[in-house]
Amino acid sequence: MIFSVVALAVIGLGNSNISIGDGKTPRPQTTVEYPIRFGDAPMARAPQPRPTVSYPIRWER
């Protein structure tokens, strides 16, 4: 049964008609510039991390 499943997969994948192309297809080019800026918008600062607990956690046990 395993042999028949493998054979069926080989036959199914071997008969696919996917064309590779002629190699002259142009590749997509990016049109975006990084970093993205929005005109006169002020630069936003990243929020500072805050502790998630209000009690000290002992690391040494």
Protein backbone atom coordinates (compact mmCIF):
# COMPACT_ATOMS: atom_id res chain seq x y z
CA MET A 1 0.00 0.00 0.00
CA ILE A 2 2.84 2.40 0.83
CA PHE A 3 4.49 1.58 -2.48
CA SER A 4 1.29 2.39 -4.38
CA VAL A 5 0.92 5.75 -2.62
CA VAL A 6 4.52 6.68 -3.45
CA ALA A 7 4.06 5.56 -7.06
CA LEU A 8 0.87 7.57 -7.38
CA ALA A 9 2.62 10.65 -6.00
CA VAL A 10 5.53 10.27 -8.44
CA ILE A 11 3.18 9.86 -11.38
CA GLY A 12 1.05 12.81 -10.28
CA LEU A 13 3.99 15.13 -9.73
CA GLY A 14 5.85 13.95 -12.82
CA ASN A 15 3.03 14.85 -15.20
CA SER A 16 2.54 18.46 -14.14
CA ASN A 17 2.69 20.94 -17.00
CA ILE A 18 4.36 23.89 -15.32
CA SER A 19 6.26 26.03 -17.78
CA ILE A 20 9.61 27.44 -16.69
CA GLY A 21 9.46 30.38 -19.08
CA ASP A 22 12.03 31.80 -21.43
CA GLY A 23 14.01 33.68 -18.77
CA LYS A 24 13.17 37.10 -20.24
CA THR A 25 10.34 37.87 -17.83
CA PRO A 26 11.11 41.12 -15.99
CA ARG A 27 11.46 40.88 -12.21
CA PRO A 28 9.27 43.14 -10.07
CA GLN A 29 11.03 46.25 -8.81
CA THR A 30 10.33 47.94 -5.50
CA THR A 31 9.03 51.51 -5.60
CA VAL A 32 9.12 52.28 -1.90
CA GLU A 33 11.79 54.24 -0.02
CA TYR A 34 12.67 53.37 3.55
CA PRO A 35 12.32 54.79 6.16
CA ILE A 36 8.80 55.88 5.34
CA ARG A 37 8.15 59.51 6.29
CA PHE A 38 4.81 61.34 6.27
CA GLY A 39 5.53 64.93 5.30
CA ASP A 40 5.59 67.29 8.31
CA ALA A 41 4.46 64.71 10.87
CA PRO A 42 6.47 64.82 14.09
CA MET A 43 8.79 61.89 14.78
CA ALA A 44 7.11 59.56 17.28
CA ARG A 45 9.32 58.18 20.03
CA ALA A 46 9.17 54.53 20.98
CA PRO A 47 7.39 53.95 24.31
CA GLN A 48 9.63 53.06 27.24
CA PRO A 49 9.18 49.59 28.72
CA ARG A 50 7.35 49.37 32.03
CA PRO A 51 7.58 46.60 34.58
CA THR A 52 4.69 44.16 34.59
CA VAL A 53 4.87 43.48 38.34
CA SER A 54 5.21 45.87 41.26
CA TYR A 55 7.19 43.60 43.58
CA PRO A 56 10.83 42.53 43.31
CA ILE A 57 11.53 39.11 41.86
CA ARG A 58 14.31 37.12 43.53
CA TRP A 59 16.51 35.41 40.95
CA GLU A 60 18.75 33.47 43.34
CA ARG A 61 17.05 30.57 45.05
